[in-house]
PDB file of N, CA and C in Angstrom:
ATOM      1  N   MET A   1      81.191 -40.059   4.102  1.00  0.00           N
ATOM      2  CA  MET A   1      79.809 -39.920   3.679  1.00  0.00           C
ATOM      3  C   MET A   1      79.655 -40.258   2.197  1.00  0.00           C
ATOM      4  N   GLU A   2      80.645 -39.850   1.403  1.00  0.00           N
ATOM      5  CA  GLU A   2      80.581 -40.162  -0.028  1.00  0.00           C
ATOM      6  C   GLU A   2      80.617 -41.663  -0.267  1.00  0.00           C
ATOM      7  N   ASN A   3      81.439 -42.372   0.517  1.00  0.00           N
ATOM      8  CA  ASN A   3      81.526 -43.821   0.346  1.00  0.00           C
ATOM      9  C   ASN A   3      80.217 -44.512   0.690  1.00  0.00           C
ATOM     10  N   LEU A   4      79.535 -44.026   1.712  1.00  0.00           N
ATOM     11  CA  LEU A   4      78.251 -44.597   2.094  1.00  0.00           C
ATOM     12  C   LEU A   4      77.222 -44.415   0.976  1.00  0.00           C
ATOM     13  N   ILE A   5      77.136 -43.209   0.445  1.00  0.00           N
ATOM     14  CA  ILE A   5      76.166 -42.945  -0.627  1.00  0.00           C
ATOM     15  C   ILE A   5      76.540 -43.712  -1.892  1.00  0.00           C
ATOM     16  N   LEU A   6      77.832 -43.822  -2.174  1.00  0.00           N
ATOM     17  CA  LEU A   6      78.254 -44.599  -3.343  1.00  0.00           C
ATOM     18  C   LEU A   6      77.875 -46.063  -3.185  1.00  0.00           C
ATOM     19  N   ASN A   7      78.071 -46.621  -2.004  1.00  0.00           N
ATOM     20  CA  ASN A   7      77.681 -48.014  -1.772  1.00  0.00           C
ATOM     21  C   ASN A   7      76.172 -48.194  -1.878  1.00  0.00           C
ATOM     22  N   LEU A   8      75.404 -47.241  -1.338  1.00  0.00           N
ATOM     23  CA  LEU A   8      73.947 -47.314  -1.468  1.00  0.00           C
ATOM     24  C   LEU A   8      73.511 -47.220  -2.928  1.00  0.00           C
ATOM     25  N   LEU A   9      74.200 -46.393  -3.700  1.00  0.00           N
ATOM     26  CA  LEU A   9      73.901 -46.258  -5.127  1.00  0.00           C
ATOM     27  C   LEU A   9      74.181 -47.561  -5.868  1.00  0.00           C
ATOM     28  N   LEU A  10      75.274 -48.206  -5.553  1.00  0.00           N
ATOM     29  CA  LEU A  10      75.600 -49.485  -6.193  1.00  0.00           C
ATOM     30  C   LEU A  10      74.594 -50.577  -5.827  1.00  0.00           C
ATOM     31  N   ILE A  11      74.228 -50.641  -4.553  1.00  0.00           N
ATOM     32  CA  ILE A  11      73.235 -51.634  -4.121  1.00  0.00           C
ATOM     33  C   ILE A  11      71.893 -51.362  -4.790  1.00  0.00           C
ATOM     34  N   ASP A  12      71.510 -50.097  -4.874  1.00  0.00           N
ATOM     35  CA  ASP A  12      70.247 -49.729  -5.515  1.00  0.00           C
ATOM     36  C   ASP A  12      70.250 -50.091  -6.993  1.00  0.00           C
ATOM     37  N   SER A  13      71.365 -49.869  -7.671  1.00  0.00           N
ATOM     38  CA  SER A  13      71.416 -50.188  -9.100  1.00  0.00           C
ATOM     39  C   SER A  13      71.310 -51.695  -9.325  1.00  0.00           C
ATOM     40  N   ILE A  14      71.908 -52.487  -8.454  1.00  0.00           N
ATOM     41  CA  ILE A  14      71.780 -53.947  -8.579  1.00  0.00           C
ATOM     42  C   ILE A  14      70.338 -54.372  -8.331  1.00  0.00           C
ATOM     43  N   LEU A  15      69.702 -53.767  -7.334  1.00  0.00           N
ATOM     44  CA  LEU A  15      68.300 -54.093  -7.050  1.00  0.00           C
ATOM     45  C   LEU A  15      67.372 -53.672  -8.193  1.00  0.00           C
ATOM     46  N   ILE A  16      67.695 -52.569  -8.871  1.00  0.00           N
ATOM     47  CA  ILE A  16      66.888 -52.155 -10.025  1.00  0.00           C
ATOM     48  C   ILE A  16      66.975 -53.197 -11.130  1.00  0.00           C
ATOM     49  N   VAL A  17      68.171 -53.678 -11.399  1.00  0.00           N
ATOM     50  CA  VAL A  17      68.335 -54.704 -12.435  1.00  0.00           C
ATOM     51  C   VAL A  17      67.545 -55.948 -12.073  1.00  0.00           C
ATOM     52  N   ILE A  18      67.603 -56.376 -10.819  1.00  0.00           N
ATOM     53  CA  ILE A  18      66.860 -57.560 -10.389  1.00  0.00           C
ATOM     54  C   ILE A  18      65.352 -57.326 -10.505  1.00  0.00           C
ATOM     55  N   ALA A  19      64.887 -56.147 -10.096  1.00  0.00           N
ATOM     56  CA  ALA A  19      63.450 -55.848 -10.161  1.00  0.00           C
ATOM     57  C   ALA A  19      62.948 -55.821 -11.602  1.00  0.00           C
ATOM     58  N   VAL A  20      63.733 -55.274 -12.503  1.00  0.00           N
ATOM     59  CA  VAL A  20      63.311 -55.226 -13.907  1.00  0.00           C
ATOM     60  C   VAL A  20      63.291 -56.628 -14.506  1.00  0.00           C
ATOM     61  N   MET A  21      64.260 -57.447 -14.143  1.00  0.00           N
ATOM     62  CA  MET A  21      64.295 -58.816 -14.671  1.00  0.00           C
ATOM     63  C   MET A  21      63.155 -59.677 -14.130  1.00  0.00           C
ATOM     64  N   MET A  22      62.647 -59.355 -12.951  1.00  0.00           N
ATOM     65  CA  MET A  22      61.569 -60.134 -12.346  1.00  0.00           C
ATOM     66  C   MET A  22      60.187 -59.753 -12.870  1.00  0.00           C
ATOM     67  N   GLN A  23      60.078 -58.633 -13.550  1.00  0.00           N
ATOM     68  CA  GLN A  23      58.772 -58.213 -14.041  1.00  0.00           C
ATOM     69  C   GLN A  23      58.299 -59.143 -15.140  1.00  0.00           C
ATOM     70  N   PRO A  24      57.000 -59.438 -15.146  1.00  0.00           N
ATOM     71  CA  PRO A  24      56.469 -60.304 -16.202  1.00  0.00           C
ATOM     72  C   PRO A  24      56.562 -59.617 -17.563  1.00  0.00           C
ATOM     73  N   SER A  25      56.871 -60.397 -18.575  1.00  0.00           N
ATOM     74  CA  SER A  25      57.024 -59.823 -19.914  1.00  0.00           C
ATOM     75  C   SER A  25      55.659 -59.544 -20.524  1.00  0.00           C
ATOM     76  N   LYS A  26      55.626 -58.533 -21.372  1.00  0.00           N
ATOM     77  CA  LYS A  26      54.399 -58.165 -22.075  1.00  0.00           C
ATOM     78  C   LYS A  26      54.646 -58.399 -23.559  1.00  0.00           C
ATOM     79  N   GLN A  27      54.274 -59.555 -24.030  1.00  0.00           N
ATOM     80  CA  GLN A  27      54.497 -59.914 -25.424  1.00  0.00           C
ATOM     81  C   GLN A  27      53.438 -59.274 -26.306  1.00  0.00           C
ATOM     82  N   GLN A  28      53.882 -58.702 -27.401  1.00  0.00           N
ATOM     83  CA  GLN A  28      52.952 -58.159 -28.382  1.00  0.00           C
ATOM     84  C   GLN A  28      53.202 -58.873 -29.695  1.00  0.00           C
ATOM     85  N   ASP A  29      52.139 -59.163 -30.390  1.00  0.00           N
ATOM     86  CA  ASP A  29      52.305 -59.842 -31.670  1.00  0.00           C
ATOM     87  C   ASP A  29      52.754 -58.860 -32.752  1.00  0.00           C
ATOM     88  N   ALA A  30      53.153 -59.397 -33.887  1.00  0.00           N
ATOM     89  CA  ALA A  30      53.707 -58.575 -34.963  1.00  0.00           C
ATOM     90  C   ALA A  30      52.653 -57.622 -35.536  1.00  0.00           C
ATOM     91  N   LEU A  31      51.402 -58.060 -35.600  1.00  0.00           N
ATOM     92  CA  LEU A  31      50.349 -57.202 -36.131  1.00  0.00           C
ATOM     93  C   LEU A  31      50.160 -55.966 -35.259  1.00  0.00           C
ATOM     94  N   SER A  32      50.226 -56.140 -33.962  1.00  0.00           N
ATOM     95  CA  SER A  32      50.082 -55.005 -33.054  1.00  0.00           C
ATOM     96  C   SER A  32      51.248 -54.038 -33.207  1.00  0.00           C
ATOM     97  N   ALA A  33      52.441 -54.568 -33.440  1.00  0.00           N
ATOM     98  CA  ALA A  33      53.612 -53.709 -33.618  1.00  0.00           C
ATOM     99  C   ALA A  33      53.515 -52.925 -34.917  1.00  0.00           C
ATOM    100  N   LEU A  34      52.980 -53.538 -35.969  1.00  0.00           N
ATOM    101  CA  LEU A  34      52.871 -52.858 -37.255  1.00  0.00           C
ATOM    102  C   LEU A  34      51.728 -51.846 -37.285  1.00  0.00           C
ATOM    103  N   SER A  35      50.635 -52.161 -36.591  1.00  0.00           N
ATOM    104  CA  SER A  35      49.483 -51.266 -36.629  1.00  0.00           C
ATOM    105  C   SER A  35      49.553 -50.179 -35.562  1.00  0.00           C
ATOM    106  N   GLY A  36      50.549 -50.194 -34.743  1.00  0.00           N
ATOM    107  CA  GLY A  36      50.684 -49.182 -33.716  1.00  0.00           C
ATOM    108  C   GLY A  36      49.965 -49.533 -32.441  1.00  0.00           C
ATOM    109  N   GLY A  37      49.452 -50.740 -32.327  1.00  0.00           N
ATOM    110  CA  GLY A  37      48.794 -51.157 -31.091  1.00  0.00           C
ATOM    111  C   GLY A  37      47.434 -50.538 -30.885  1.00  0.00           C
ATOM    112  N   SER A  38      46.746 -50.165 -31.969  1.00  0.00           N
ATOM    113  CA  SER A  38      45.450 -49.511 -31.810  1.00  0.00           C
ATOM    114  C   SER A  38      44.402 -50.460 -31.237  1.00  0.00           C
ATOM    115  N   GLY A  39      44.592 -51.753 -31.382  1.00  0.00           N
ATOM    116  CA  GLY A  39      43.651 -52.708 -30.812  1.00  0.00           C
ATOM    117  C   GLY A  39      43.729 -52.775 -29.304  1.00  0.00           C
ATOM    118  N   ASP A  40      44.827 -52.359 -28.739  1.00  0.00           N
ATOM    119  CA  ASP A  40      44.994 -52.408 -27.296  1.00  0.00           C
ATOM    120  C   ASP A  40      44.529 -51.136 -26.604  1.00  0.00           C
ATOM    121  N   LEU A  41      43.962 -50.200 -27.350  1.00  0.00           N
ATOM    122  CA  LEU A  41      43.590 -48.918 -26.778  1.00  0.00           C
ATOM    123  C   LEU A  41      42.555 -49.069 -25.677  1.00  0.00           C
ATOM    124  N   PHE A  42      41.533 -49.873 -25.926  1.00  0.00           N
ATOM    125  CA  PHE A  42      40.467 -50.039 -24.940  1.00  0.00           C
ATOM    126  C   PHE A  42      40.627 -51.323 -24.140  1.00  0.00           C
ATOM    127  N   GLY A  43      41.614 -52.127 -24.462  1.00  0.00           N
ATOM    128  CA  GLY A  43      41.810 -53.393 -23.777  1.00  0.00           C
ATOM    129  C   GLY A  43      42.768 -53.316 -22.606  1.00  0.00           C
ATOM    130  N   LYS A  44      43.250 -52.127 -22.292  1.00  0.00           N
ATOM    131  CA  LYS A  44      44.200 -52.008 -21.176  1.00  0.00           C
ATOM    132  C   LYS A  44      43.491 -52.225 -19.859  1.00  0.00           C
ATOM    133  N   GLN A  45      44.163 -52.999 -18.987  1.00  0.00           N
ATOM    134  CA  GLN A  45      43.648 -53.214 -17.651  1.00  0.00           C
ATOM    135  C   GLN A  45      44.695 -52.776 -16.650  1.00  0.00           C
ATOM    136  N   LYS A  46      44.242 -52.411 -15.490  1.00  0.00           N
ATOM    137  CA  LYS A  46      45.151 -51.993 -14.439  1.00  0.00           C
ATOM    138  C   LYS A  46      45.934 -53.213 -13.948  1.00  0.00           C
ATOM    139  N   ALA A  47      47.220 -52.993 -13.688  1.00  0.00           N
ATOM    140  CA  ALA A  47      48.060 -54.087 -13.204  1.00  0.00           C
ATOM    141  C   ALA A  47      47.592 -54.521 -11.813  1.00  0.00           C
ATOM    142  N   ARG A  48      47.624 -55.831 -11.585  1.00  0.00           N
ATOM    143  CA  ARG A  48      47.180 -56.366 -10.306  1.00  0.00           C
ATOM    144  C   ARG A  48      48.202 -57.360  -9.787  1.00  0.00           C
ATOM    145  N   GLY A  49      48.182 -57.539  -8.502  1.00  0.00           N
ATOM    146  CA  GLY A  49      48.996 -58.571  -7.876  1.00  0.00           C
ATOM    147  C   GLY A  49      50.486 -58.318  -7.982  1.00  0.00           C
ATOM    148  N   PHE A  50      51.196 -59.356  -8.402  1.00  0.00           N
ATOM    149  CA  PHE A  50      52.653 -59.304  -8.467  1.00  0.00           C
ATOM    150  C   PHE A  50      53.146 -58.241  -9.436  1.00  0.00           C
ATOM    151  N   GLU A  51      52.465 -58.092 -10.557  1.00  0.00           N
ATOM    152  CA  GLU A  51      52.872 -57.100 -11.552  1.00  0.00           C
ATOM    153  C   GLU A  51      52.778 -55.689 -10.992  1.00  0.00           C
ATOM    154  N   ALA A  52      51.712 -55.377 -10.283  1.00  0.00           N
ATOM    155  CA  ALA A  52      51.559 -54.051  -9.680  1.00  0.00           C
ATOM    156  C   ALA A  52      52.614 -53.821  -8.608  1.00  0.00           C
ATOM    157  N   PHE A  53      52.891 -54.848  -7.811  1.00  0.00           N
ATOM    158  CA  PHE A  53      53.919 -54.728  -6.774  1.00  0.00           C
ATOM    159  C   PHE A  53      55.282 -54.458  -7.389  1.00  0.00           C
ATOM    160  N   MET A  54      55.627 -55.173  -8.447  1.00  0.00           N
ATOM    161  CA  MET A  54      56.932 -54.989  -9.081  1.00  0.00           C
ATOM    162  C   MET A  54      57.043 -53.624  -9.739  1.00  0.00           C
ATOM    163  N   GLN A  55      55.951 -53.096 -10.275  1.00  0.00           N
ATOM    164  CA  GLN A  55      55.985 -51.755 -10.849  1.00  0.00           C
ATOM    165  C   GLN A  55      56.265 -50.712  -9.774  1.00  0.00           C
ATOM    166  N   LYS A  56      55.637 -50.866  -8.617  1.00  0.00           N
ATOM    167  CA  LYS A  56      55.860 -49.919  -7.514  1.00  0.00           C
ATOM    168  C   LYS A  56      57.289 -50.017  -6.995  1.00  0.00           C
ATOM    169  N   VAL A  57      57.796 -51.240  -6.861  1.00  0.00           N
ATOM    170  CA  VAL A  57      59.168 -51.435  -6.391  1.00  0.00           C
ATOM    171  C   VAL A  57      60.151 -50.784  -7.357  1.00  0.00           C
ATOM    172  N   THR A  58      59.917 -50.936  -8.660  1.00  0.00           N
ATOM    173  CA  THR A  58      60.807 -50.354  -9.658  1.00  0.00           C
ATOM    174  C   THR A  58      60.777 -48.829  -9.600  1.00  0.00           C
ATOM    175  N   VAL A  59      59.609 -48.247  -9.405  1.00  0.00           N
ATOM    176  CA  VAL A  59      59.503 -46.784  -9.311  1.00  0.00           C
ATOM    177  C   VAL A  59      60.234 -46.278  -8.069  1.00  0.00           C
ATOM    178  N   VAL A  60      60.066 -46.960  -6.949  1.00  0.00           N
ATOM    179  CA  VAL A  60      60.742 -46.541  -5.715  1.00  0.00           C
ATOM    180  C   VAL A  60      62.252 -46.656  -5.869  1.00  0.00           C
ATOM    181  N   LEU A  61      62.718 -47.773  -6.422  1.00  0.00           N
ATOM    182  CA  LEU A  61      64.158 -47.958  -6.602  1.00  0.00           C
ATOM    183  C   LEU A  61      64.731 -46.940  -7.588  1.00  0.00           C
ATOM    184  N   GLY A  62      63.990 -46.616  -8.639  1.00  0.00           N
ATOM    185  CA  GLY A  62      64.446 -45.608  -9.595  1.00  0.00           C
ATOM    186  C   GLY A  62      64.533 -44.232  -8.967  1.00  0.00           C
ATOM    187  N   THR A  63      63.551 -43.892  -8.136  1.00  0.00           N
ATOM    188  CA  THR A  63      63.578 -42.610  -7.436  1.00  0.00           C
ATOM    189  C   THR A  63      64.764 -42.541  -6.476  1.00  0.00           C
ATOM    190  N   LEU A  64      64.997 -43.621  -5.738  1.00  0.00           N
ATOM    191  CA  LEU A  64      66.143 -43.664  -4.835  1.00  0.00           C
ATOM    192  C   LEU A  64      67.459 -43.532  -5.596  1.00  0.00           C
ATOM    193  N   PHE A  65      67.518 -44.136  -6.781  1.00  0.00           N
ATOM    194  CA  PHE A  65      68.735 -44.049  -7.594  1.00  0.00           C
ATOM    195  C   PHE A  65      69.056 -42.591  -7.921  1.00  0.00           C
ATOM    196  N   PHE A  66      68.045 -41.829  -8.362  1.00  0.00           N
ATOM    197  CA  PHE A  66      68.279 -40.433  -8.701  1.00  0.00           C
ATOM    198  C   PHE A  66      68.608 -39.596  -7.474  1.00  0.00           C
ATOM    199  N   VAL A  67      67.974 -39.885  -6.348  1.00  0.00           N
ATOM    200  CA  VAL A  67      68.273 -39.146  -5.120  1.00  0.00           C
ATOM    201  C   VAL A  67      69.715 -39.400  -4.691  1.00  0.00           C
ATOM    202  N   PHE A  68      70.135 -40.676  -4.714  1.00  0.00           N
ATOM    203  CA  PHE A  68      71.514 -41.003  -4.341  1.00  0.00           C
ATOM    204  C   PHE A  68      72.511 -40.387  -5.317  1.00  0.00           C
ATOM    205  N   ALA A  69      72.186 -40.397  -6.596  1.00  0.00           N
ATOM    206  CA  ALA A  69      73.106 -39.845  -7.589  1.00  0.00           C
ATOM    207  C   ALA A  69      73.260 -38.337  -7.408  1.00  0.00           C
ATOM    208  N   ILE A  70      72.158 -37.634  -7.180  1.00  0.00           N
ATOM    209  CA  ILE A  70      72.235 -36.186  -6.979  1.00  0.00           C
ATOM    210  C   ILE A  70      72.966 -35.867  -5.680  1.00  0.00           C
ATOM    211  N   ALA A  71      72.710 -36.637  -4.630  1.00  0.00           N
ATOM    212  CA  ALA A  71      73.402 -36.414  -3.360  1.00  0.00           C
ATOM    213  C   ALA A  71      74.900 -36.657  -3.512  1.00  0.00           C
ATOM    214  N   LEU A  72      75.268 -37.673  -4.287  1.00  0.00           N
ATOM    215  CA  LEU A  72      76.688 -37.965  -4.504  1.00  0.00           C
ATOM    216  C   LEU A  72      77.371 -36.846  -5.287  1.00  0.00           C
ATOM    217  N   VAL A  73      76.693 -36.315  -6.284  1.00  0.00           N
ATOM    218  CA  VAL A  73      77.261 -35.191  -7.049  1.00  0.00           C
ATOM    219  C   VAL A  73      77.406 -33.966  -6.156  1.00  0.00           C
ATOM    220  N   TYR A  74      76.408 -33.707  -5.341  1.00  0.00           N
ATOM    221  CA  TYR A  74      76.469 -32.545  -4.452  1.00  0.00           C
ATOM    222  C   TYR A  74      77.623 -32.673  -3.457  1.00  0.00           C
ATOM    223  N   LEU A  75      77.767 -33.861  -2.852  1.00  0.00           N
ATOM    224  CA  LEU A  75      78.852 -34.054  -1.884  1.00  0.00           C
ATOM    225  C   LEU A  75      80.225 -34.022  -2.521  1.00  0.00           C
ATOM    226  N   SER A  76      80.338 -34.510  -3.730  1.00  0.00           N
ATOM    227  CA  SER A  76      81.646 -34.528  -4.366  1.00  0.00           C
ATOM    228  C   SER A  76      82.068 -33.138  -4.869  1.00  0.00           C
ATOM    229  N   SER A  77      81.090 -32.259  -5.085  1.00  0.00           N
ATOM    230  CA  SER A  77      81.430 -30.915  -5.553  1.00  0.00           C
ATOM    231  C   SER A  77      81.732 -29.958  -4.402  1.00  0.00           C
ATOM    232  N   HIS A  78      81.380 -30.350  -3.198  1.00  0.00           N
ATOM    233  CA  HIS A  78      81.618 -29.449  -2.056  1.00  0.00           C
ATOM    234  C   HIS A  78      82.690 -29.997  -1.164  1.00  0.00           C
TER     235      HIS A  78
END
């Protein structure tokens, strides 16, 4: 059982890296970095399309990573 969860954890971690690399980059200019991004306060829009899908995939994969890690620790201690 430990080997199965360890393999799932490894596959999940690889998928997390791929999902993060596939997300579109959010470039900020130097002025925004120096001013603290106050100009973007009211300009935020909800993510749509591919960006929203990738955010959800990353959250699910991250949650699975923690579940697998906790399950692996529990099984290895008992």
